[in-house]
Amino acid sequence: MKNFSTKKRLLAPVAQALALTTILFSTACEQTEQPSRVPAVPVPENCRDVSDLSPEGIARILSELPITSGQVREVYDAVTASSSNGYDEEYPFSNLFSCPGSGVGDELLKTRSAVEYSAPLAGLLASASPQTRSGSFQDALSASGLQIYWPYSEDWDGVSMPVITFNPEISRKCSLVSEAADTNVGFLREQLPDGSWILKEVVVDEEYARSHPVWVINRNEDAAYLTPQMVEALYPERTASAQTRSYCDYDFKTLVLKEFKAHRNYDSWFAGGSEFFIKCGSLNGFTAQTEEELKLYYPSVTDLMVNVRRKQVGKTLRFNTVLVSEWTPQLEECVFLMIEDDGGKQTSWKASGVVKIKSRSYGFEVELPFRRNDDLVWRGKLSSNYFEKYNGKPNRFGDVSVTFSFL
């Protein structure tokens, strides 16, 4: 049994030591509307340019399109598919143009949406202006990393139209952006009884998004990695083999992540949920009998991503994801690092674990990568005695509770 990398570009044949790259604004928001029978809210000319690929620019373009319930259903299907694959409630524009209604992970799983949408959202965007018909705008938007993020999408009533806003932390171009960290202006296009249209300005915060559909234009941060759900779908034999045997019958155990619970959000709601990276360094399958044989082993690092959506904070997420496939009696401790992804320059944490050869202990060095802006949740060493003592029991690691299990 081998460890895997959750970085999608590393899904080719796997090497022996593989890496598994698997505030609330308390007051209710207020809605401010333009007079009932006026043209759409004047939008600054520098925000109308379809070549503007900022989150704010794309939000304004979308808000002026004649979006109907059919296009809203398409976005709902896509974010639901992403969530089912373990990602956030997101619909990258690359998916929107290449396969309408498909979520993050669908292409890799070959489970892309089979629904034929009569008027996909891509068609509306393509007809927005002559510039888009050339394909250059679609290509640029597909490659931009931008997406539609729909928090609390599972509570959509199937009828209400979305307010469209953007992440103000990465888009400060126009003057309508609120100075408050967790509020922003959103746009809602509505048709009047006489057939004319108005564009309402709506102040949005997370409390508003809990009870009204809100699309946030932000950047995708997690599509490059595999979630536990993706790993189990792509490599079902790993989970099956661990579940169907008792480690008492073998000379090694399999360490798995069984449960995960985040006790708070780490980012603004405009940025989405929290992406946790769990990094576990060990000498997988270590059976050396001499110091010379010790030199033949190289540390393996399991790098697992767990995405916790806003609505999942405080709730237990259940997995059965392998961290160390062959924990032998000679492996005394592993190195453990847990971070919440926030980007920045690449760096690493160097630490050492312990193995035993004929009653003598030897250290092995492990280098666990992370980025300078990441939030450190917990780091340290975990021993085999710890895993035996808390086998199947939740334990607190900073603002996260984790349950490990030996199989």
Protein backbone atom coordinates (compact mmCIF):
# COMPACT_ATOMS: atom_id res chain seq x y z
CA MET A 1 0.00 0.00 0.00
CA LYS A 2 1.43 3.39 -1.00
CA ASN A 3 0.78 6.99 -0.17
CA PHE A 4 -0.58 9.29 -2.85
CA SER A 5 -0.18 12.92 -3.83
CA THR A 6 -3.25 15.11 -3.88
CA LYS A 7 -1.65 17.65 -6.18
CA LYS A 8 -3.49 16.95 -9.46
CA ARG A 9 -0.48 17.46 -11.64
CA LEU A 10 1.27 14.62 -9.76
CA LEU A 11 -1.38 12.02 -10.51
CA ALA A 12 0.88 10.19 -12.93
CA PRO A 13 2.50 6.94 -11.76
CA VAL A 14 3.22 7.41 -8.09
CA ALA A 15 6.68 7.05 -6.54
CA GLN A 16 7.37 4.92 -3.50
CA ALA A 17 7.12 7.75 -0.99
CA LEU A 18 4.02 9.52 -2.25
CA ALA A 19 2.35 12.71 -1.04
CA LEU A 20 -1.40 12.89 -0.53
CA THR A 21 -1.95 16.45 -1.51
CA THR A 22 -5.39 15.70 -0.27
CA ILE A 23 -17.44 37.14 11.31
CA LEU A 24 -20.07 37.15 11.17
CA PHE A 25 -21.51 40.66 10.90
CA SER A 26 -23.96 40.46 13.79
CA THR A 27 -26.59 42.92 12.64
CA ALA A 28 -29.01 42.17 9.84
CA CYS A 29 -28.15 43.94 6.60
CA GLU A 30 -30.23 46.67 5.13
CA GLN A 31 -31.33 46.79 1.51
CA THR A 32 -31.07 50.10 -0.29
CA GLU A 33 -32.96 50.40 -3.55
CA GLN A 34 -33.10 52.90 -6.35
CA PRO A 35 -36.48 54.58 -7.00
CA SER A 36 -38.87 51.99 -8.39
CA ARG A 37 -39.11 53.20 -11.99
CA VAL A 38 -35.69 54.38 -13.02
CA PRO A 39 -33.10 52.93 -15.37
CA ALA A 40 -30.50 50.57 -14.01
CA VAL A 41 -28.07 52.05 -11.49
CA PRO A 42 -25.49 54.10 -13.39
CA VAL A 43 -22.28 52.14 -13.53
CA PRO A 44 -18.95 53.95 -13.93
CA GLU A 45 -17.67 53.61 -17.46
CA ASN A 46 -14.41 52.06 -16.25
CA CYS A 47 -16.47 49.22 -14.76
CA ARG A 48 -18.40 48.49 -17.97
CA ASP A 49 -15.36 47.43 -19.97
CA VAL A 50 -15.72 43.73 -20.76
CA SER A 51 -11.95 43.46 -20.76
CA ASP A 52 -12.00 44.18 -17.00
CA LEU A 53 -11.19 40.83 -15.41
CA SER A 54 -11.26 42.02 -11.81
CA PRO A 55 -13.82 40.35 -9.52
CA GLU A 56 -15.69 43.66 -9.39
CA GLY A 57 -15.68 44.06 -13.15
CA ILE A 58 -17.05 40.55 -13.72
CA ALA A 59 -19.71 41.05 -11.03
CA ARG A 60 -20.92 44.17 -12.84
CA ILE A 61 -20.99 42.43 -16.21
CA LEU A 62 -23.01 39.52 -14.81
CA SER A 63 -25.43 41.84 -13.04
CA GLU A 64 -26.39 43.51 -16.33
CA LEU A 65 -27.16 40.23 -18.11
CA PRO A 66 -30.80 39.05 -18.45
CA ILE A 67 -30.20 36.02 -16.22
CA THR A 68 -33.21 33.72 -15.76
CA SER A 69 -33.99 30.80 -13.47
CA GLY A 70 -32.41 28.48 -16.05
CA GLN A 71 -28.97 30.02 -15.64
CA VAL A 72 -29.38 30.12 -11.84
CA ARG A 73 -30.17 26.39 -11.92
CA GLU A 74 -27.00 25.79 -13.94
CA VAL A 75 -24.88 27.55 -11.33
CA TYR A 76 -26.67 25.67 -8.55
CA ASP A 77 -25.93 22.33 -10.26
CA ALA A 78 -22.26 23.24 -10.59
CA VAL A 79 -21.70 24.38 -6.99
CA THR A 80 -23.58 21.32 -5.75
CA ALA A 81 -21.26 19.09 -7.79
CA SER A 82 -18.20 20.87 -6.38
CA SER A 83 -19.49 20.39 -2.83
CA SER A 84 -20.14 16.70 -3.45
CA ASN A 85 -16.51 16.33 -4.52
CA GLY A 86 -15.30 17.92 -1.27
CA TYR A 87 -14.64 21.43 -2.60
CA ASP A 88 -16.32 24.71 -1.75
CA GLU A 89 -19.59 25.89 -3.32
CA GLU A 90 -17.85 27.15 -6.43
CA TYR A 91 -18.25 27.31 -10.20
CA PRO A 92 -14.99 28.28 -11.95
CA PHE A 93 -15.44 30.21 -15.17
CA SER A 94 -13.18 27.64 -16.83
CA ASN A 95 -15.90 25.05 -16.12
CA LEU A 96 -18.65 27.46 -17.12
CA PHE A 97 -17.24 27.80 -20.63
CA SER A 98 -15.94 24.25 -21.14
CA CYS A 99 -18.79 22.21 -19.65
CA PRO A 100 -21.77 24.12 -18.26
CA GLY A 101 -23.05 22.85 -14.94
CA SER A 102 -19.93 20.86 -14.03
CA GLY A 103 -18.21 21.26 -10.67
CA VAL A 104 -14.61 21.17 -9.52
CA GLY A 105 -13.37 17.59 -9.71
CA ASP A 106 -15.93 16.41 -12.27
CA GLU A 107 -13.44 16.38 -15.13
CA LEU A 108 -11.00 14.17 -13.23
CA LEU A 109 -13.77 11.83 -12.10
CA LYS A 110 -15.33 11.85 -15.58
CA THR A 111 -18.66 12.78 -14.02
CA ARG A 112 -19.28 16.02 -15.86
CA SER A 113 -22.83 17.30 -16.00
CA ALA A 114 -25.00 15.39 -18.46
CA VAL A 115 -27.63 18.14 -18.45
CA GLU A 116 -28.12 20.03 -21.70
CA TYR A 117 -28.92 23.62 -20.77
CA SER A 118 -31.04 25.37 -23.38
CA ALA A 119 -29.51 28.76 -22.61
CA PRO A 120 -26.24 28.32 -20.70
CA LEU A 121 -24.70 31.25 -18.89
CA ALA A 122 -21.70 31.07 -21.22
CA GLY A 123 -23.98 32.07 -24.09
CA LEU A 124 -25.16 35.17 -22.27
CA LEU A 125 -21.58 36.18 -21.53
CA ALA A 126 -20.60 35.56 -25.15
CA SER A 127 -23.31 37.94 -26.34
CA ALA A 128 -22.45 40.66 -23.82
CA SER A 129 -20.52 42.66 -26.43
CA PRO A 130 -18.79 42.20 -29.79
CA GLN A 131 -15.49 41.82 -27.94
CA THR A 132 -16.64 38.56 -26.41
CA ARG A 133 -17.62 36.95 -29.70
CA SER A 134 -13.99 36.67 -30.73
CA GLY A 135 -13.35 34.26 -27.92
CA SER A 136 -10.56 36.33 -26.39
CA PHE A 137 -12.69 37.42 -23.44
CA GLN A 138 -13.88 33.88 -22.70
CA ASP A 139 -10.33 32.55 -22.94
CA ALA A 140 -9.01 35.25 -20.62
CA LEU A 141 -11.83 34.77 -18.12
CA SER A 142 -11.37 30.99 -18.19
CA ALA A 143 -7.67 31.39 -17.43
CA SER A 144 -8.15 34.09 -14.79
CA GLY A 145 -8.87 31.76 -11.87
CA LEU A 146 -12.09 33.63 -11.12
CA GLN A 147 -15.26 31.81 -10.17
CA ILE A 148 -18.81 32.18 -8.91
CA TYR A 149 -18.93 31.33 -5.21
CA TRP A 150 -22.40 30.69 -3.78
CA PRO A 151 -22.34 30.40 0.04
CA TYR A 152 -25.23 28.50 1.65
CA SER A 153 -26.40 27.41 -1.81
CA GLU A 154 -28.08 24.30 -0.40
CA ASP A 155 -30.73 26.57 1.16
CA TRP A 156 -31.81 28.06 -2.19
CA ASP A 157 -35.59 27.93 -2.65
CA GLY A 158 -35.30 27.22 -6.37
CA VAL A 159 -36.97 30.51 -7.31
CA SER A 160 -35.20 33.55 -5.87
CA MET A 161 -32.74 35.38 -8.09
CA PRO A 162 -29.22 36.03 -6.79
CA VAL A 163 -27.61 39.23 -5.68
CA ILE A 164 -24.23 39.44 -7.41
CA THR A 165 -21.26 40.84 -5.49
CA PHE A 166 -17.49 40.33 -5.32
CA ASN A 167 -14.68 39.85 -2.83
CA PRO A 168 -13.74 43.42 -1.82
CA GLU A 169 -10.39 42.27 -0.45
CA ILE A 170 -9.10 41.67 -3.96
CA SER A 171 -11.07 44.29 -5.89
CA ARG A 172 -11.04 47.93 -4.81
CA LYS A 173 -11.46 49.56 -8.18
CA CYS A 174 -14.74 51.45 -7.92
CA SER A 175 -16.14 53.75 -5.28
CA LEU A 176 -19.18 51.71 -4.26
CA VAL A 177 -17.17 49.24 -2.20
CA SER A 178 -17.98 49.38 1.53
CA GLU A 179 -15.16 50.10 3.96
CA ALA A 180 -16.54 47.48 6.39
CA ALA A 181 -14.58 44.24 6.15
CA ASP A 182 -17.58 41.91 5.93
CA THR A 183 -20.06 44.01 3.96
CA ASN A 184 -20.14 44.99 0.33
CA VAL A 185 -22.47 46.31 -2.31
CA GLY A 186 -24.32 43.75 -4.42
CA PHE A 187 -26.49 44.07 -7.52
CA LEU A 188 -29.93 42.56 -8.08
CA ARG A 189 -31.57 42.86 -11.50
CA GLU A 190 -35.37 42.85 -11.36
CA GLN A 191 -38.14 43.27 -13.92
CA LEU A 192 -41.00 45.67 -13.27
CA PRO A 193 -44.64 44.93 -14.21
CA ASP A 194 -44.37 47.21 -17.25
CA GLY A 195 -41.50 45.10 -18.60
CA SER A 196 -38.69 47.50 -17.79
CA TRP A 197 -35.70 46.46 -15.72
CA ILE A 198 -34.03 48.01 -12.71
CA LEU A 199 -30.73 47.23 -11.03
CA LYS A 200 -30.96 47.46 -7.27
CA GLU A 201 -28.03 48.07 -5.00
CA VAL A 202 -28.15 45.75 -2.00
CA VAL A 203 -25.86 45.85 1.02
CA VAL A 204 -24.75 42.26 1.63
CA ASP A 205 -23.11 40.60 4.58
CA GLU A 206 -22.92 36.97 5.66
CA GLU A 207 -26.21 37.16 7.55
CA TYR A 208 -27.93 38.29 4.35
CA ALA A 209 -26.30 35.46 2.39
CA ARG A 210 -27.71 32.91 4.83
CA SER A 211 -31.26 33.74 3.79
CA HIS A 212 -30.88 35.10 0.24
CA PRO A 213 -28.99 33.70 -2.76
CA VAL A 214 -25.72 35.61 -3.22
CA TRP A 215 -23.10 35.02 -5.88
CA VAL A 216 -19.62 36.22 -4.92
CA ILE A 217 -17.02 36.64 -7.64
CA ASN A 218 -13.72 35.57 -6.09
CA ARG A 219 -10.67 33.49 -6.93
CA ASN A 220 -10.45 29.72 -6.80
CA GLU A 221 -7.92 28.49 -4.24
CA ASP A 222 -8.49 24.74 -3.98
CA ALA A 223 -9.07 23.20 -7.42
CA ALA A 224 -5.39 22.19 -7.76
CA TYR A 225 -5.63 19.71 -4.87
CA LEU A 226 -7.47 16.49 -4.13
CA THR A 227 -9.93 16.27 -1.26
CA PRO A 228 -10.57 13.11 0.80
CA GLN A 229 -13.73 12.56 -1.25
CA MET A 230 -11.72 12.69 -4.46
CA VAL A 231 -9.05 10.33 -3.12
CA GLU A 232 -11.66 7.79 -2.06
CA ALA A 233 -13.37 8.03 -5.46
CA LEU A 234 -10.14 7.76 -7.46
CA TYR A 235 -8.47 5.10 -5.29
CA PRO A 236 -11.28 3.07 -3.67
CA GLU A 237 -8.98 0.08 -3.19
CA ARG A 238 -6.98 2.00 -0.56
CA THR A 239 -9.97 2.59 1.68
CA ALA A 240 -11.43 -0.85 1.03
CA SER A 241 -8.23 -2.69 1.93
CA ALA A 242 -7.87 -0.70 5.15
CA GLN A 243 -11.48 -1.27 6.18
CA THR A 244 -11.59 -5.02 5.55
CA ARG A 245 -8.61 -6.13 7.60
CA SER A 246 -7.66 -6.08 11.26
CA TYR A 247 -4.19 -4.77 12.02
CA CYS A 248 -3.80 -7.50 14.65
CA ASP A 249 -3.26 -9.95 11.80
CA TYR A 250 -0.42 -7.94 10.26
CA ASP A 251 2.94 -6.59 11.34
CA PHE A 252 1.86 -3.03 10.53
CA LYS A 253 -1.11 -0.75 11.08
CA THR A 254 -2.72 1.85 8.84
CA LEU A 255 -3.17 5.31 10.31
CA VAL A 256 -6.26 7.08 8.97
CA LEU A 257 -7.94 10.43 9.44
CA LYS A 258 -11.40 9.46 10.64
CA GLU A 259 -13.10 12.73 11.67
CA PHE A 260 -12.42 16.45 11.36
CA LYS A 261 -14.19 19.43 12.93
CA ALA A 262 -13.31 23.12 12.52
CA HIS A 263 -14.50 25.30 15.39
CA ARG A 264 -14.25 28.63 13.56
CA ASN A 265 -13.83 30.23 10.16
CA TYR A 266 -10.39 31.55 9.29
CA ASP A 267 -11.25 33.89 6.42
CA SER A 268 -13.79 36.50 5.41
CA TRP A 269 -16.98 35.00 4.01
CA PHE A 270 -16.27 36.70 0.67
CA ALA A 271 -13.24 34.41 0.31
CA GLY A 272 -15.24 31.26 1.05
CA GLY A 273 -14.68 28.45 3.51
CA SER A 274 -11.43 27.28 5.07
CA GLU A 275 -8.88 25.04 3.34
CA PHE A 276 -6.90 23.02 5.87
CA PHE A 277 -3.74 21.16 4.91
CA ILE A 278 -2.81 18.23 7.13
CA LYS A 279 0.80 17.19 6.64
CA CYS A 280 2.13 13.98 8.16
CA GLY A 281 5.79 12.94 7.77
CA SER A 282 6.96 9.42 8.57
CA LEU A 283 9.10 6.47 7.46
CA ASN A 284 6.31 4.47 5.90
CA GLY A 285 6.78 0.68 6.05
CA PHE A 286 10.00 0.93 8.08
CA THR A 287 11.52 -2.51 8.82
CA ALA A 288 15.28 -1.84 8.84
CA GLN A 289 17.35 -4.14 11.05
CA THR A 290 20.68 -2.29 10.83
CA GLU A 291 21.93 1.28 10.58
CA GLU A 292 22.99 0.57 7.02
CA GLU A 293 19.46 -0.46 6.10
CA LEU A 294 18.16 2.72 7.74
CA LYS A 295 19.92 4.70 5.02
CA LEU A 296 17.75 3.01 2.41
CA TYR A 297 14.58 4.66 3.74
CA TYR A 298 13.39 8.12 2.83
CA PRO A 299 10.63 10.03 4.65
CA SER A 300 7.25 10.20 2.98
CA VAL A 301 4.91 13.15 3.48
CA THR A 302 1.15 12.86 3.24
CA ASP A 303 -0.33 16.24 2.34
CA LEU A 304 -4.10 16.17 2.70
CA MET A 305 -6.49 19.06 2.00
CA VAL A 306 -9.78 19.29 3.89
CA ASN A 307 -12.22 21.97 2.76
CA VAL A 308 -14.68 23.16 5.41
CA ARG A 309 -17.60 25.15 4.00
CA ARG A 310 -19.06 28.03 6.03
CA LYS A 311 -22.09 26.00 7.03
CA GLN A 312 -19.92 23.07 8.16
CA VAL A 313 -18.10 24.97 10.92
CA GLY A 314 -18.79 23.22 14.23
CA LYS A 315 -19.92 20.04 12.47
CA THR A 316 -18.06 16.72 12.30
CA LEU A 317 -16.85 15.69 8.84
CA ARG A 318 -16.24 11.97 8.49
CA PHE A 319 -13.54 10.44 6.32
CA ASN A 320 -11.43 7.32 6.17
CA THR A 321 -8.36 8.82 4.55
CA VAL A 322 -4.97 7.13 4.87
CA LEU A 323 -2.18 9.19 6.45
CA VAL A 324 0.42 6.42 6.95
CA SER A 325 -0.34 3.23 5.06
CA GLU A 326 2.18 0.98 6.87
CA TRP A 327 2.91 2.02 10.45
CA THR A 328 5.28 -0.71 11.64
CA PRO A 329 6.21 -1.49 15.28
CA GLN A 330 9.58 0.20 14.69
CA LEU A 331 8.02 3.57 13.85
CA GLU A 332 7.74 5.40 17.19
CA GLU A 333 6.51 8.81 16.12
CA CYS A 334 5.58 10.92 13.12
CA VAL A 335 5.77 14.65 12.45
CA PHE A 336 2.45 16.48 12.14
CA LEU A 337 1.63 19.93 10.76
CA MET A 338 -1.79 21.48 10.23
CA ILE A 339 -2.30 24.87 8.55
CA GLU A 340 -5.11 26.90 7.01
CA ASP A 341 -4.11 28.01 3.54
CA ASP A 342 -3.59 31.74 3.01
CA GLY A 343 -0.84 31.84 0.40
CA GLY A 344 2.44 33.71 0.40
CA LYS A 345 6.05 32.75 -0.28
CA GLN A 346 6.96 29.08 -0.05
CA THR A 347 8.84 27.98 3.06
CA SER A 348 9.05 24.82 5.16
CA TRP A 349 9.27 23.40 8.67
CA LYS A 350 12.11 20.98 9.36
CA ALA A 351 11.47 18.46 12.11
CA SER A 352 12.52 14.97 13.11
CA GLY A 353 10.68 11.77 13.99
CA VAL A 354 11.92 8.62 15.67
CA VAL A 355 12.28 4.97 14.63
CA LYS A 356 13.70 2.08 16.60
CA ILE A 357 16.21 -0.60 15.55
CA LYS A 358 16.89 -3.35 18.08
CA SER A 359 15.86 -1.20 21.06
CA ARG A 360 17.93 1.78 19.92
CA SER A 361 16.21 4.98 18.77
CA TYR A 362 17.23 6.85 15.62
CA GLY A 363 15.97 10.17 14.32
CA PHE A 364 14.86 10.88 10.76
CA GLU A 365 14.47 14.36 9.29
CA VAL A 366 11.32 15.55 7.54
CA GLU A 367 10.73 18.83 5.73
CA LEU A 368 7.07 19.89 5.61
CA PRO A 369 6.29 22.70 3.14
CA PHE A 370 3.88 25.56 3.77
CA ARG A 371 3.55 29.24 2.85
CA ARG A 372 4.40 32.29 4.93
CA ASN A 373 0.86 33.68 5.10
CA ASP A 374 -0.69 30.38 6.16
CA ASP A 375 -2.39 30.27 9.55
CA LEU A 376 -0.62 27.77 11.78
CA VAL A 377 -3.24 25.56 13.46
CA TRP A 378 -0.90 23.04 15.13
CA ARG A 379 2.51 21.41 14.68
CA GLY A 380 4.50 18.87 16.63
CA LYS A 381 5.22 15.15 16.99
CA LEU A 382 2.68 12.38 17.54
CA SER A 383 3.75 8.99 18.87
CA SER A 384 2.38 5.51 18.35
CA ASN A 385 1.44 5.53 22.05
CA TYR A 386 -0.66 8.65 21.44
CA PHE A 387 -2.52 7.03 18.55
CA GLU A 388 -3.14 3.90 20.63
CA LYS A 389 -4.45 5.93 23.56
CA TYR A 390 -6.77 8.12 21.50
CA ASN A 391 -7.65 5.56 18.83
CA GLY A 392 -11.06 6.58 17.48
CA LYS A 393 -11.41 9.45 19.98
CA PRO A 394 -11.53 13.15 19.02
CA ASN A 395 -8.77 15.40 20.33
CA ARG A 396 -8.30 19.16 20.11
CA PHE A 397 -5.56 20.70 17.95
CA GLY A 398 -5.93 24.46 18.31
CA ASP A 399 -9.24 25.48 16.74
CA VAL A 400 -9.71 22.05 15.14
CA SER A 401 -10.72 18.66 16.53
CA VAL A 402 -9.27 15.58 14.81
CA THR A 403 -10.02 11.89 15.27
CA PHE A 404 -7.35 9.39 14.19
CA SER A 405 -7.74 5.65 13.98
CA PHE A 406 -5.47 2.64 13.57
CA LEU A 407 -6.83 0.03 11.18
